[in-house]
C-alpha cells in the first residue's frame, strides 16, 4: 500500500493501521515521490491526501489513472482539512 500524506504524524497513524491489517507500506510526502514509488512498486492500493506541498492529490490521481500500468490501482482520496 502506498500512503501519500505530508503530515508525518497522520502518515504514521495510517502506516500503523495498514500494518495492523497486514499491508506492506510505502510512504510519500510529496506527489512527485508518490508517482515515482507507484511506478516502481505498483502498490495494491493508494491512500492519497488531497493537499500536498508540490501538487494537489487530484493531479497525482490524474497521473495514476492516465498510466495504463497503474490505472487499475484503487485510490482512496482523503484530507483532514
N, C-alpha and C. Protein backbone atom coordinates (compact mmCIF):
# COMPACT_ATOMS: atom_id res chain seq x y z
N UNK A 1 0.85 -1.17 0.00
CA UNK A 1 0.00 0.00 0.00
C UNK A 1 0.89 1.23 0.00
N UNK A 2 0.49 2.21 -0.76
CA UNK A 2 1.21 3.48 -0.81
C UNK A 2 0.39 4.54 -0.09
N UNK A 3 0.97 5.14 0.93
CA UNK A 3 0.33 6.22 1.66
C UNK A 3 0.99 7.52 1.23
N UNK A 4 0.20 8.44 0.73
CA UNK A 4 0.70 9.74 0.28
C UNK A 4 0.12 10.78 1.23
N UNK A 5 0.95 11.26 2.13
CA UNK A 5 0.50 12.17 3.18
C UNK A 5 1.68 13.03 3.63
N UNK A 6 1.49 14.35 3.64
CA UNK A 6 2.59 15.24 4.01
C UNK A 6 2.66 15.53 5.51
N UNK A 7 1.65 15.15 6.27
CA UNK A 7 1.68 15.32 7.72
C UNK A 7 2.31 14.05 8.32
N UNK A 8 3.52 14.16 8.88
CA UNK A 8 4.22 12.96 9.37
C UNK A 8 3.45 12.19 10.44
N UNK A 9 2.76 12.90 11.33
CA UNK A 9 2.01 12.22 12.38
C UNK A 9 0.87 11.40 11.78
N UNK A 10 0.10 12.01 10.90
CA UNK A 10 -1.03 11.30 10.30
C UNK A 10 -0.55 10.17 9.40
N UNK A 11 0.56 10.37 8.70
CA UNK A 11 1.13 9.31 7.87
C UNK A 11 1.51 8.11 8.74
N UNK A 12 2.05 8.38 9.91
CA UNK A 12 2.44 7.31 10.85
C UNK A 12 1.20 6.55 11.33
N UNK A 13 0.12 7.28 11.62
CA UNK A 13 -1.13 6.63 12.04
C UNK A 13 -1.65 5.72 10.93
N UNK A 14 -1.69 6.23 9.70
CA UNK A 14 -2.16 5.42 8.57
C UNK A 14 -1.25 4.22 8.33
N UNK A 15 0.06 4.43 8.45
CA UNK A 15 1.02 3.34 8.27
C UNK A 15 0.79 2.24 9.31
N UNK A 16 0.63 2.64 10.56
CA UNK A 16 0.43 1.65 11.63
C UNK A 16 -0.87 0.88 11.44
N UNK A 17 -1.94 1.58 11.08
CA UNK A 17 -3.22 0.91 10.83
C UNK A 17 -3.11 -0.06 9.65
N UNK A 18 -2.39 0.35 8.62
CA UNK A 18 -2.21 -0.52 7.45
C UNK A 18 -1.39 -1.75 7.80
N UNK A 19 -0.32 -1.56 8.58
CA UNK A 19 0.48 -2.70 9.04
C UNK A 19 -0.39 -3.67 9.84
N UNK A 20 -1.25 -3.12 10.70
CA UNK A 20 -2.13 -3.97 11.52
C UNK A 20 -3.06 -4.82 10.66
N UNK A 21 -3.39 -4.32 9.47
CA UNK A 21 -4.26 -5.06 8.54
C UNK A 21 -3.46 -5.96 7.60
N UNK A 22 -2.13 -6.03 7.79
CA UNK A 22 -1.30 -6.94 7.02
C UNK A 22 -0.67 -6.37 5.76
N UNK A 23 -0.78 -5.07 5.56
CA UNK A 23 -0.19 -4.45 4.37
C UNK A 23 1.29 -4.14 4.59
N UNK A 24 2.07 -4.30 3.55
CA UNK A 24 3.40 -3.70 3.49
C UNK A 24 3.17 -2.28 3.02
N UNK A 25 3.90 -1.32 3.58
CA UNK A 25 3.56 0.08 3.35
C UNK A 25 4.76 0.89 2.85
N UNK A 26 4.50 1.73 1.85
CA UNK A 26 5.41 2.77 1.41
C UNK A 26 4.75 4.10 1.75
N UNK A 27 5.56 5.10 2.13
CA UNK A 27 5.02 6.42 2.48
C UNK A 27 5.74 7.47 1.65
N UNK A 28 4.96 8.37 1.06
CA UNK A 28 5.49 9.52 0.32
C UNK A 28 4.85 10.78 0.86
N UNK A 29 5.63 11.84 1.00
CA UNK A 29 5.12 13.11 1.49
C UNK A 29 4.89 14.13 0.40
N UNK A 30 5.23 13.77 -0.83
CA UNK A 30 5.08 14.68 -1.98
C UNK A 30 4.48 13.90 -3.14
N UNK A 31 3.77 14.59 -4.00
CA UNK A 31 3.15 13.95 -5.15
C UNK A 31 4.14 13.33 -6.10
N UNK A 32 5.22 14.04 -6.40
CA UNK A 32 6.22 13.51 -7.33
C UNK A 32 6.84 12.23 -6.79
N UNK A 33 7.10 12.19 -5.49
CA UNK A 33 7.65 10.97 -4.87
C UNK A 33 6.65 9.83 -4.94
N UNK A 34 5.38 10.14 -4.75
CA UNK A 34 4.33 9.13 -4.82
C UNK A 34 4.27 8.50 -6.21
N UNK A 35 4.35 9.33 -7.23
CA UNK A 35 4.31 8.79 -8.60
C UNK A 35 5.51 7.92 -8.89
N UNK A 36 6.68 8.32 -8.42
CA UNK A 36 7.88 7.51 -8.60
C UNK A 36 7.73 6.16 -7.92
N UNK A 37 7.27 6.17 -6.66
CA UNK A 37 7.09 4.92 -5.93
C UNK A 37 6.02 4.04 -6.57
N UNK A 38 4.93 4.63 -7.03
CA UNK A 38 3.86 3.86 -7.66
C UNK A 38 4.36 3.19 -8.94
N UNK A 39 5.15 3.91 -9.73
CA UNK A 39 5.70 3.32 -10.96
C UNK A 39 6.66 2.17 -10.66
N UNK A 40 7.43 2.33 -9.61
CA UNK A 40 8.44 1.33 -9.29
C UNK A 40 7.84 0.09 -8.61
N UNK A 41 6.90 0.29 -7.67
CA UNK A 41 6.44 -0.82 -6.84
C UNK A 41 5.03 -1.32 -7.15
N UNK A 42 4.26 -0.60 -7.94
CA UNK A 42 2.88 -1.00 -8.28
C UNK A 42 2.12 -1.47 -7.04
N UNK A 43 1.82 -0.55 -6.12
CA UNK A 43 1.14 -0.94 -4.88
C UNK A 43 -0.25 -1.50 -5.15
N UNK A 44 -0.77 -2.25 -4.18
CA UNK A 44 -2.11 -2.83 -4.32
C UNK A 44 -3.20 -1.80 -4.05
N UNK A 45 -2.85 -0.69 -3.37
CA UNK A 45 -3.80 0.38 -3.10
C UNK A 45 -3.03 1.65 -2.75
N UNK A 46 -3.72 2.80 -2.88
CA UNK A 46 -3.11 4.09 -2.56
C UNK A 46 -4.07 4.87 -1.66
N UNK A 47 -3.54 5.42 -0.58
CA UNK A 47 -4.26 6.38 0.24
C UNK A 47 -3.65 7.74 -0.09
N UNK A 48 -4.43 8.64 -0.64
CA UNK A 48 -3.90 9.86 -1.24
C UNK A 48 -4.50 11.11 -0.62
N UNK A 49 -3.65 11.91 0.01
CA UNK A 49 -4.06 13.19 0.57
C UNK A 49 -4.39 14.16 -0.57
N UNK A 50 -5.35 15.02 -0.35
CA UNK A 50 -5.75 16.00 -1.38
C UNK A 50 -4.73 17.13 -1.48
N UNK A 51 -4.24 17.61 -0.34
CA UNK A 51 -3.34 18.77 -0.34
C UNK A 51 -1.91 18.33 -0.02
N UNK A 52 -1.05 18.42 -1.03
CA UNK A 52 0.36 18.06 -0.89
C UNK A 52 1.22 19.29 -1.19
N UNK A 53 2.47 19.30 -0.73
CA UNK A 53 3.29 20.50 -0.92
C UNK A 53 3.63 20.84 -2.37
N UNK A 54 3.72 19.83 -3.24
CA UNK A 54 4.16 20.10 -4.60
C UNK A 54 3.06 20.06 -5.64
N UNK A 55 1.93 19.40 -5.33
CA UNK A 55 0.81 19.34 -6.28
C UNK A 55 -0.41 18.84 -5.52
N UNK A 56 -1.56 19.04 -6.09
CA UNK A 56 -2.79 18.52 -5.49
C UNK A 56 -2.87 17.02 -5.68
N UNK A 57 -3.49 16.36 -4.72
CA UNK A 57 -3.71 14.92 -4.86
C UNK A 57 -4.52 14.59 -6.10
N UNK A 58 -5.40 15.50 -6.52
CA UNK A 58 -6.18 15.28 -7.74
C UNK A 58 -5.26 15.17 -8.96
N UNK A 59 -4.15 15.90 -8.94
CA UNK A 59 -3.19 15.82 -10.04
C UNK A 59 -2.48 14.47 -10.01
N UNK A 60 -2.11 14.03 -8.82
CA UNK A 60 -1.48 12.71 -8.68
C UNK A 60 -2.45 11.64 -9.18
N UNK A 61 -3.71 11.74 -8.76
CA UNK A 61 -4.72 10.78 -9.21
C UNK A 61 -4.83 10.76 -10.73
N UNK A 62 -4.84 11.93 -11.34
CA UNK A 62 -4.92 12.01 -12.80
C UNK A 62 -3.74 11.29 -13.45
N UNK A 63 -2.53 11.50 -12.94
CA UNK A 63 -1.35 10.82 -13.49
C UNK A 63 -1.47 9.30 -13.33
N UNK A 64 -1.94 8.86 -12.16
CA UNK A 64 -2.09 7.42 -11.93
C UNK A 64 -3.09 6.81 -12.90
N UNK A 65 -4.21 7.49 -13.10
CA UNK A 65 -5.28 6.92 -13.93
C UNK A 65 -5.00 7.06 -15.43
N UNK A 66 -4.08 7.93 -15.81
CA UNK A 66 -3.71 8.07 -17.22
C UNK A 66 -2.66 7.06 -17.65
N UNK A 67 -1.99 6.44 -16.69
CA UNK A 67 -0.94 5.47 -16.98
C UNK A 67 -1.55 4.07 -17.01
N UNK A 68 -1.52 3.39 -18.16
CA UNK A 68 -2.15 2.07 -18.27
C UNK A 68 -1.61 1.04 -17.26
N UNK A 69 -0.37 1.21 -16.83
CA UNK A 69 0.20 0.24 -15.90
C UNK A 69 -0.23 0.48 -14.45
N UNK A 70 -0.87 1.64 -14.19
CA UNK A 70 -1.27 1.96 -12.82
C UNK A 70 -2.74 2.26 -12.66
N UNK A 71 -3.48 2.37 -13.75
CA UNK A 71 -4.87 2.82 -13.66
C UNK A 71 -5.77 1.85 -12.90
N UNK A 72 -5.35 0.61 -12.77
CA UNK A 72 -6.15 -0.39 -12.05
C UNK A 72 -6.02 -0.27 -10.52
N UNK A 73 -5.05 0.48 -10.03
CA UNK A 73 -4.79 0.58 -8.60
C UNK A 73 -5.91 1.38 -7.93
N UNK A 74 -6.58 0.80 -6.92
CA UNK A 74 -7.61 1.56 -6.20
C UNK A 74 -6.98 2.70 -5.39
N UNK A 75 -7.63 3.85 -5.43
CA UNK A 75 -7.13 5.04 -4.74
C UNK A 75 -8.22 5.57 -3.82
N UNK A 76 -7.85 5.81 -2.57
CA UNK A 76 -8.75 6.44 -1.61
C UNK A 76 -8.25 7.86 -1.39
N UNK A 77 -9.07 8.84 -1.74
CA UNK A 77 -8.71 10.25 -1.54
C UNK A 77 -9.18 10.65 -0.15
N UNK A 78 -8.32 11.40 0.56
CA UNK A 78 -8.73 11.88 1.86
C UNK A 78 -7.98 13.16 2.22
N UNK A 79 -8.57 13.89 3.15
CA UNK A 79 -7.92 15.08 3.65
C UNK A 79 -8.44 15.34 5.07
N UNK A 80 -7.63 15.99 5.87
CA UNK A 80 -8.09 16.35 7.20
C UNK A 80 -8.42 17.84 7.26
N UNK A 81 -8.50 18.48 6.10
CA UNK A 81 -8.85 19.89 6.02
C UNK A 81 -10.29 20.11 6.39
